[in-house]
């Protein structure tokens, strides 16, 4: 297990997950991920993205396809969702964005000032879900500086 400080939160996660800084926050104040955790290589591109007609399209996923056994977790600032202690973790069928990269299960939680969204692909969905739940449960407020700037 590895522990990182992300913004004002401390999170512990499996050692084979990589922590990657999210895109810079846009000037218009839209919430974009502060960071990603993934057990696959990912590439973060500037965000937000806009369609040809100028409408907001959200952030481009940092991978085109989640491979077998893949886990992709985005950690975004909480701009107003209610936080519960301990955090409520919701597991659902894949969201549209998760399904678009081949995900088979989505997880959403609000914890320690962050919105945690995970996309999982089998095999090993139950084990991956357990790992995400453990990472969410580990989240605490950080007294020191973040590893992400």
Protein backbone atom coordinates (compact mmCIF):
# COMPACT_ATOMS: atom_id res chain seq x y z
CA UNK A 1 0.00 0.00 0.00
CA UNK A 2 1.08 3.59 -0.72
CA UNK A 3 -0.12 6.83 0.88
CA UNK A 4 -0.31 10.18 -0.95
CA UNK A 5 -1.58 13.65 -0.15
CA UNK A 6 -3.94 14.96 -2.83
CA UNK A 7 -5.05 18.52 -2.27
CA UNK A 8 -6.25 18.55 1.33
CA UNK A 9 -6.79 14.78 1.52
CA UNK A 10 -4.61 11.82 2.39
CA UNK A 11 -5.41 8.57 0.59
CA UNK A 12 -3.90 5.09 0.81
CA UNK A 13 -4.12 2.83 -2.24
CA UNK A 14 -2.57 -0.32 -3.70
CA UNK A 15 1.09 0.07 -4.63
CA UNK A 16 0.44 -0.92 -8.26
CA UNK A 17 -1.90 2.07 -8.75
CA UNK A 18 -0.21 5.18 -10.14
CA UNK A 19 -1.09 8.70 -9.01
CA UNK A 20 -1.29 11.15 -11.93
CA UNK A 21 -2.05 14.85 -11.57
CA UNK A 22 -5.23 16.02 -13.24
CA UNK A 23 -5.44 18.86 -15.73
CA UNK A 24 -5.02 22.45 -14.62
CA UNK A 25 -8.23 24.02 -13.36
CA UNK A 26 -9.77 26.20 -16.08
CA UNK A 27 -10.22 29.93 -15.55
CA UNK A 28 -14.02 29.59 -15.66
CA UNK A 29 -13.91 27.64 -12.37
CA UNK A 30 -15.33 24.35 -13.64
CA UNK A 31 -14.44 21.37 -11.49
CA UNK A 32 -11.97 19.04 -13.15
CA UNK A 33 -10.17 16.10 -11.56
CA UNK A 34 -7.35 17.03 -9.19
CA UNK A 35 -5.81 13.62 -9.78
CA UNK A 36 -6.31 10.14 -11.12
CA UNK A 37 -5.38 6.79 -9.62
CA UNK A 38 -5.05 3.92 -12.07
CA UNK A 39 -3.52 0.50 -12.40
CA UNK A 40 -2.94 1.18 -16.12
CA UNK A 41 -0.91 3.79 -18.01
CA UNK A 42 -2.96 6.96 -18.58
CA UNK A 43 -2.47 10.27 -20.36
CA UNK A 44 -4.11 13.43 -19.03
CA UNK A 45 -5.09 16.06 -21.60
CA UNK A 46 -6.23 19.65 -20.99
CA UNK A 47 -9.74 20.02 -19.71
CA UNK A 48 -12.49 21.06 -20.06
CA UNK A 49 -13.14 20.18 -23.65
CA UNK A 50 -15.72 21.81 -25.87
CA UNK A 51 -17.65 20.45 -28.83
CA UNK A 52 -17.48 22.04 -32.27
CA UNK A 53 -20.67 23.98 -31.45
CA UNK A 54 -19.03 25.47 -28.32
CA UNK A 55 -20.95 23.45 -25.72
CA UNK A 56 -19.10 21.97 -22.76
CA UNK A 57 -18.16 18.33 -23.30
CA UNK A 58 -16.46 17.63 -19.97
CA UNK A 59 -13.05 16.08 -19.53
CA UNK A 60 -11.67 13.58 -22.00
CA UNK A 61 -11.00 10.26 -20.23
CA UNK A 62 -7.26 9.70 -19.67
CA UNK A 63 -7.49 6.39 -21.54
CA UNK A 64 -9.31 5.31 -24.69
CA UNK A 65 -9.93 1.83 -23.34
CA UNK A 66 -9.87 0.26 -19.92
CA UNK A 67 -8.10 -3.10 -20.37
CA UNK A 68 -9.13 -6.30 -18.63
CA UNK A 69 -8.75 -5.86 -14.86
CA UNK A 70 -8.40 -2.10 -15.28
CA UNK A 71 -9.19 0.46 -12.57
CA UNK A 72 -9.46 4.20 -13.23
CA UNK A 73 -10.30 6.50 -10.31
CA UNK A 74 -10.81 10.26 -10.66
CA UNK A 75 -10.52 12.51 -7.61
CA UNK A 76 -12.30 15.84 -8.11
CA UNK A 77 -12.95 18.73 -5.74
CA UNK A 78 -16.29 18.61 -3.97
CA UNK A 79 -18.15 21.75 -4.92
CA UNK A 80 -21.24 21.15 -2.81
CA UNK A 81 -22.22 17.49 -2.55
CA UNK A 82 -23.12 16.31 0.95
CA UNK A 83 -20.38 14.35 2.69
CA UNK A 84 -21.23 11.50 5.03
CA UNK A 85 -18.90 10.04 7.65
CA UNK A 86 -18.12 7.31 6.91
CA UNK A 87 -18.49 8.04 3.19
CA UNK A 88 -21.41 6.48 1.32
CA UNK A 89 -20.05 4.40 -1.55
CA UNK A 90 -22.50 3.81 -4.42
CA UNK A 91 -21.84 0.97 -6.84
CA UNK A 92 -23.79 0.98 -10.10
CA UNK A 93 -23.81 -0.24 -13.65
CA UNK A 94 -21.23 1.71 -15.61
CA UNK A 95 -21.96 5.38 -16.24
CA UNK A 96 -21.95 6.52 -19.87
CA UNK A 97 -18.38 7.82 -19.56
CA UNK A 98 -17.20 4.60 -17.89
CA UNK A 99 -18.97 2.44 -20.45
CA UNK A 100 -17.39 4.48 -23.27
CA UNK A 101 -13.95 3.16 -22.23
CA UNK A 102 -15.12 -0.42 -21.68
CA UNK A 103 -15.91 -0.24 -17.96
CA UNK A 104 -18.32 -2.69 -16.40
CA UNK A 105 -18.92 -1.14 -12.96
CA UNK A 106 -18.95 2.43 -11.62
CA UNK A 107 -18.35 3.61 -8.09
CA UNK A 108 -19.16 7.05 -6.66
CA UNK A 109 -18.29 8.38 -3.22
CA UNK A 110 -17.92 11.78 -1.58
CA UNK A 111 -15.12 11.80 0.97
CA UNK A 112 -12.85 14.38 2.62
CA UNK A 113 -13.59 17.22 0.21
CA UNK A 114 -13.26 15.02 -2.86
CA UNK A 115 -15.69 13.36 -5.22
CA UNK A 116 -14.34 9.91 -6.04
CA UNK A 117 -15.48 8.29 -9.29
CA UNK A 118 -14.15 4.89 -10.26
CA UNK A 119 -14.55 2.84 -13.41
CA UNK A 120 -13.74 -0.87 -13.24
CA UNK A 121 -13.40 -3.64 -15.78
CA UNK A 122 -13.33 -7.36 -15.04
CA UNK A 123 -12.09 -9.87 -14.39
CA UNK A 124 -11.70 -9.25 -10.69
CA UNK A 125 -14.50 -6.68 -10.31
CA UNK A 126 -15.16 -7.59 -6.67
CA UNK A 127 -11.47 -7.33 -5.74
CA UNK A 128 -11.15 -3.97 -7.54
CA UNK A 129 -14.30 -2.71 -5.81
CA UNK A 130 -12.85 -3.75 -2.44
CA UNK A 131 -9.65 -1.82 -3.23
CA UNK A 132 -11.59 1.33 -4.20
CA UNK A 133 -13.72 1.06 -1.06
CA UNK A 134 -10.56 0.73 1.06
CA UNK A 135 -9.01 3.79 -0.62
CA UNK A 136 -12.19 5.83 0.05
CA UNK A 137 -12.30 4.62 3.67
CA UNK A 138 -8.64 5.64 4.14
CA UNK A 139 -9.24 9.27 3.16
CA UNK A 140 -8.47 11.84 5.84
CA UNK A 141 -7.63 15.55 6.00
CA UNK A 142 -3.99 16.43 5.35
CA UNK A 143 -2.11 18.72 7.73
CA UNK A 144 0.73 19.21 5.24
CA UNK A 145 1.48 20.08 1.62
CA UNK A 146 0.12 18.10 -1.31
CA UNK A 147 2.28 16.00 -3.60
CA UNK A 148 0.29 17.55 -6.45
CA UNK A 149 0.75 21.20 -7.32
